[in-house]
Structure formats: C-alpha cells, structure tokens
C-alpha cells in the first residue's frame, strides 16, 4: 500500500513538472474591427452608380475616418544597460602605550602591559544589468475613433495559426494624421500610448511554460 501511494505521488509530481496549464485566451473583443457609422453606401434598388465604390481623381486614400484601415510598421527597438559599482574601506588603529600607575609601569609577571587596538573594514560591490528587445513586422488596424484634435484612435489584431500553434499580434494607440505616409502606413514608434502585444497559444506555447511545482521553486515563496 505504501509503495502504491509513493508511486502515485511521484507520478503527480512528474506531471506537475512536465505539464503546464493552458493560458486563458485574452479577451479579443476590444480589438475587433470597427465599422463606419451612417448609411453611406446604401443605394436604391436598380441604381447603377454606387458612391461607396467610387474614388475621386484627387482623393486622399490615407486613413482619416472611423472604419478606415491603417498599416502600422512594427520597428520596435529597446536597449537598456545599467552598471553600478561601490567600494568602501575603513581602518582604525589605537595605541595607548605602556600604562603607568603611581609613577611605575604596570606589569604582569614582570612584563610591562602594552595596549594596542587595530581594526579594518572593506566592502566591494558590483552589479550589471542589460536588456534588449526587437520586434519587426506589420499589422493593419482600423480607426476606432477620431479625437476632437483630429488624432485617430486605432486598434486591431492579426492572428496566424500554424500547425499546432497560434500566434497573434495586437496593437492599440493614437496616431496623428500628419504622421501617416502616402502609402497609408505609419511607424509604430510614432503611435502614441501604444500597447503592442505579441504572444501565442497552443502546444508550443504550453511547452514553454514551466509546471506549477517548478514555478514554486523559482518563486519568492521558496526560502532556499
């Protein structure tokens, strides 16, 4: 009975170390496409001309209204380096010489007493930290709103499913119309209050997450 119980406990621990719970799918409702409001594009039955499908000769095709699409070029680069060094040293030396009492030196077993005290302290500390991130690509989003000052609130997502994994990129932020290029593109470095998420889910993503027992040993709750 004890042997069977120990085998079951071992199996549970191994399963906890090898497998990781599936991460919940983030809520994607806030990143869905935003459709333009109004009745633009509705035509009466039998009408040949459709204003929604026409383009003016000198029409600006850059995003400017709610529901328009805009391509954001992801060119994120971040590099951070921090280094600190501390060095302290302190030394103390005290020599009282040979104590004298009543005009005679104090001795012990015929040997004069001599009082001397020395102490020294030193400390050296050094710390280095560096981090770098890079994200390249592009994502096409929709204009979700137009602010009173003319800036555009954009948001959107891109999902790619390959084999047993799913990758997604989500972006939300504020874009100035003057920063939009002739090709209806804008760099991600010019998106204000940008929130960029690049993650995934599936078998490959689960394999990169440690089990709950491994996370416990690496957490601050483990004192050793």
Protein backbone atom coordinates (compact mmCIF):
# COMPACT_ATOMS: atom_id res chain seq x y z
CA UNK A 1 0.00 0.00 0.00
CA UNK A 2 2.80 2.41 0.87
CA UNK A 3 4.58 1.53 -2.36
CA UNK A 4 1.45 2.23 -4.41
CA UNK A 5 0.92 5.55 -2.61
CA UNK A 6 4.51 6.63 -3.25
CA UNK A 7 4.17 5.75 -6.95
CA UNK A 8 1.02 7.87 -7.23
CA UNK A 9 2.68 10.84 -5.52
CA UNK A 10 5.72 10.53 -7.81
CA UNK A 11 3.51 10.43 -10.89
CA UNK A 12 1.62 13.55 -9.80
CA UNK A 13 4.84 15.45 -9.16
CA UNK A 14 6.29 14.46 -12.53
CA UNK A 15 3.10 15.51 -14.27
CA UNK A 16 3.22 18.87 -12.49
CA UNK A 17 6.80 19.45 -13.58
CA UNK A 18 6.25 18.39 -17.19
CA UNK A 19 2.89 19.95 -17.98
CA UNK A 20 1.64 23.48 -17.62
CA UNK A 21 -1.94 24.69 -17.50
CA UNK A 22 -3.24 26.26 -20.65
CA UNK A 23 -3.21 30.02 -20.56
CA UNK A 24 -6.65 31.57 -20.98
CA UNK A 25 -7.24 33.27 -24.28
CA UNK A 26 -7.07 37.06 -23.79
CA UNK A 27 -10.27 38.91 -24.48
CA UNK A 28 -10.19 39.96 -28.12
CA UNK A 29 -13.47 41.89 -28.27
CA UNK A 30 -11.73 45.24 -27.78
CA UNK A 31 -9.54 44.58 -30.83
CA UNK A 32 -12.30 43.68 -33.28
CA UNK A 33 -12.84 45.73 -36.44
CA UNK A 34 -14.82 48.95 -36.13
CA UNK A 35 -17.36 49.56 -38.89
CA UNK A 36 -18.13 53.08 -40.13
CA UNK A 37 -21.38 54.59 -38.97
CA UNK A 38 -24.07 56.14 -41.12
CA UNK A 39 -25.86 54.98 -44.26
CA UNK A 40 -23.10 55.79 -46.71
CA UNK A 41 -23.05 53.20 -49.47
CA UNK A 42 -26.72 52.26 -49.37
CA UNK A 43 -28.30 52.64 -52.80
CA UNK A 44 -31.81 52.29 -54.03
CA UNK A 45 -32.75 49.14 -55.96
CA UNK A 46 -31.92 49.40 -59.64
CA UNK A 47 -29.30 52.14 -59.18
CA UNK A 48 -26.16 51.68 -61.29
CA UNK A 49 -23.90 54.17 -59.54
CA UNK A 50 -22.70 53.24 -56.05
CA UNK A 51 -20.90 56.08 -54.21
CA UNK A 52 -19.23 53.63 -51.84
CA UNK A 53 -17.30 52.03 -54.69
CA UNK A 54 -16.12 55.25 -56.34
CA UNK A 55 -12.80 57.06 -55.96
CA UNK A 56 -12.24 60.72 -56.66
CA UNK A 57 -9.42 61.66 -59.00
CA UNK A 58 -7.53 63.53 -56.29
CA UNK A 59 -8.84 61.56 -53.32
CA UNK A 60 -6.51 61.09 -50.33
CA UNK A 61 -6.50 57.36 -49.61
CA UNK A 62 -4.93 57.74 -46.17
CA UNK A 63 -6.95 56.75 -43.12
CA UNK A 64 -8.91 59.62 -41.64
CA UNK A 65 -12.40 58.37 -40.71
CA UNK A 66 -13.80 55.75 -38.35
CA UNK A 67 -13.69 52.37 -40.06
CA UNK A 68 -10.71 53.20 -42.32
CA UNK A 69 -7.76 50.85 -42.23
CA UNK A 70 -4.16 51.78 -41.48
CA UNK A 71 -0.98 49.71 -41.74
CA UNK A 72 1.39 50.04 -38.79
CA UNK A 73 5.02 49.09 -39.42
CA UNK A 74 6.47 47.42 -36.32
CA UNK A 75 10.01 48.72 -35.86
CA UNK A 76 10.45 48.42 -32.12
CA UNK A 77 13.99 48.57 -30.70
CA UNK A 78 14.76 48.87 -27.00
CA UNK A 79 18.13 48.60 -25.31
CA UNK A 80 18.83 49.22 -21.66
CA UNK A 81 22.10 48.88 -19.75
CA UNK A 82 22.78 49.63 -16.12
CA UNK A 83 26.01 49.26 -14.20
CA UNK A 84 26.87 50.19 -10.62
CA UNK A 85 29.99 49.76 -8.51
CA UNK A 86 30.65 50.52 -4.84
CA UNK A 87 33.88 50.30 -2.88
CA UNK A 88 34.44 51.38 0.73
CA UNK A 89 37.34 50.92 3.11
CA UNK A 90 37.87 51.97 6.72
CA UNK A 91 40.76 51.40 9.09
CA UNK A 92 41.25 52.21 12.80
CA UNK A 93 44.39 51.95 14.94
CA UNK A 94 44.68 52.80 18.66
CA UNK A 95 47.90 52.58 20.73
CA UNK A 96 47.76 53.60 24.38
CA UNK A 97 51.39 52.79 25.08
CA UNK A 98 52.53 51.32 28.45
CA UNK A 99 50.11 52.31 31.23
CA UNK A 100 51.75 53.94 34.27
CA UNK A 101 50.36 53.92 37.80
CA UNK A 102 51.96 55.87 40.68
CA UNK A 103 54.98 56.62 38.56
CA UNK A 104 55.62 52.95 37.74
CA UNK A 105 54.63 50.97 34.68
CA UNK A 106 52.02 48.31 35.19
CA UNK A 107 53.45 44.86 34.62
CA UNK A 108 52.21 41.32 34.57
CA UNK A 109 54.64 38.60 35.62
CA UNK A 110 57.42 41.10 35.16
CA UNK A 111 56.33 42.04 31.64
CA UNK A 112 55.01 45.56 31.02
CA UNK A 113 51.46 45.73 29.70
CA UNK A 114 51.00 47.22 26.27
CA UNK A 115 47.56 48.16 24.92
CA UNK A 116 47.01 48.33 21.13
CA UNK A 117 43.86 48.01 19.03
CA UNK A 118 43.62 47.64 15.25
CA UNK A 119 40.50 47.23 13.08
CA UNK A 120 39.77 47.46 9.38
CA UNK A 121 36.65 47.12 7.25
CA UNK A 122 36.27 46.94 3.49
CA UNK A 123 33.40 46.41 1.06
CA UNK A 124 33.32 45.90 -2.70
CA UNK A 125 30.12 45.59 -4.69
CA UNK A 126 29.36 45.49 -8.40
CA UNK A 127 26.16 44.99 -10.40
CA UNK A 128 25.48 44.79 -14.15
CA UNK A 129 22.13 44.62 -15.93
CA UNK A 130 21.27 44.72 -19.63
CA UNK A 131 18.13 44.10 -21.67
CA UNK A 132 17.30 44.38 -25.36
CA UNK A 133 14.12 43.76 -27.36
CA UNK A 134 13.33 43.77 -31.05
CA UNK A 135 10.07 43.45 -32.93
CA UNK A 136 9.75 43.63 -36.73
CA UNK A 137 6.70 43.19 -38.91
CA UNK A 138 3.47 44.95 -39.76
CA UNK A 139 -0.16 44.90 -38.72
CA UNK A 140 -3.17 46.53 -40.35
CA UNK A 141 -5.63 48.08 -37.91
CA UNK A 142 -8.84 50.05 -38.16
CA UNK A 143 -9.66 53.55 -36.99
CA UNK A 144 -11.87 53.11 -33.92
CA UNK A 145 -12.39 56.78 -33.16
CA UNK A 146 -11.48 60.33 -34.06
CA UNK A 147 -10.47 62.61 -31.20
CA UNK A 148 -11.52 66.29 -31.02
CA UNK A 149 -8.00 67.41 -32.00
CA UNK A 150 -8.07 65.27 -35.15
CA UNK A 151 -5.89 62.41 -33.91
CA UNK A 152 -7.00 58.87 -34.70
CA UNK A 153 -7.59 56.11 -32.16
CA UNK A 154 -6.57 52.87 -33.87
CA UNK A 155 -6.71 49.27 -32.75
CA UNK A 156 -6.62 45.83 -34.30
CA UNK A 157 -5.12 42.37 -34.25
CA UNK A 158 -3.59 39.77 -36.52
CA UNK A 159 -3.88 36.04 -35.86
CA UNK A 160 -1.79 33.38 -37.57
CA UNK A 161 -2.38 29.68 -36.99
CA UNK A 162 0.47 27.37 -37.99
CA UNK A 163 0.27 23.66 -37.27
CA UNK A 164 -0.40 23.25 -33.53
CA UNK A 165 0.27 26.84 -32.52
CA UNK A 166 -1.45 30.16 -32.88
CA UNK A 167 0.39 33.50 -32.91
CA UNK A 168 -1.30 36.85 -32.55
CA UNK A 169 -0.25 40.49 -32.65
CA UNK A 170 -2.42 43.19 -31.11
CA UNK A 171 -1.96 46.93 -31.26
CA UNK A 172 -3.78 49.92 -29.86
CA UNK A 173 -2.79 53.57 -29.74
CA UNK A 174 -3.21 57.10 -31.07
CA UNK A 175 -1.90 58.27 -34.46
CA UNK A 176 -1.51 61.79 -35.81
CA UNK A 177 -2.81 62.08 -39.40
CA UNK A 178 0.30 64.07 -40.35
CA UNK A 179 2.47 61.03 -39.49
CA UNK A 180 0.66 58.78 -41.98
CA UNK A 181 2.70 58.29 -45.15
CA UNK A 182 1.48 58.31 -48.77
CA UNK A 183 1.20 54.51 -48.69
CA UNK A 184 -1.20 54.70 -45.74
CA UNK A 185 1.47 53.44 -43.33
CA UNK A 186 2.88 54.72 -40.07
CA UNK A 187 5.79 53.51 -37.96
CA UNK A 188 4.98 52.03 -34.57
CA UNK A 189 7.45 54.45 -32.99
CA UNK A 190 5.02 57.28 -33.87
CA UNK A 191 1.99 55.67 -32.25
CA UNK A 192 1.13 57.43 -29.01
CA UNK A 193 0.16 55.44 -25.90
CA UNK A 194 0.94 52.31 -27.91
CA UNK A 195 0.03 48.94 -26.49
CA UNK A 196 1.62 46.17 -28.52
CA UNK A 197 1.12 42.52 -27.65
CA UNK A 198 2.88 39.64 -29.38
CA UNK A 199 2.11 36.25 -27.93
CA UNK A 200 0.71 32.84 -28.78
CA UNK A 201 -1.14 29.82 -27.53
CA UNK A 202 -1.23 26.13 -28.29
CA UNK A 203 1.05 23.15 -27.76
CA UNK A 204 4.26 25.07 -28.47
CA UNK A 205 3.32 27.92 -26.12
CA UNK A 206 2.36 25.48 -23.36
CA UNK A 207 5.72 23.71 -23.69
CA UNK A 208 7.49 26.98 -22.87
CA UNK A 209 5.66 27.39 -19.54
CA UNK A 210 7.06 25.52 -16.50
CA UNK A 211 4.80 23.43 -14.29
CA UNK A 212 3.37 24.69 -11.01
CA UNK A 213 6.00 22.85 -8.96
CA UNK A 214 8.85 24.42 -10.95
CA UNK A 215 7.24 27.84 -10.62
CA UNK A 216 7.01 27.33 -6.84
CA UNK A 217 10.73 26.56 -6.52
CA UNK A 218 11.54 29.68 -8.57
CA UNK A 219 9.15 31.95 -6.70
CA UNK A 220 9.97 34.20 -3.70
CA UNK A 221 7.83 31.91 -1.53
CA UNK A 222 10.56 29.25 -1.67
CA UNK A 223 13.02 30.32 1.07
CA UNK A 224 16.04 28.26 -0.06
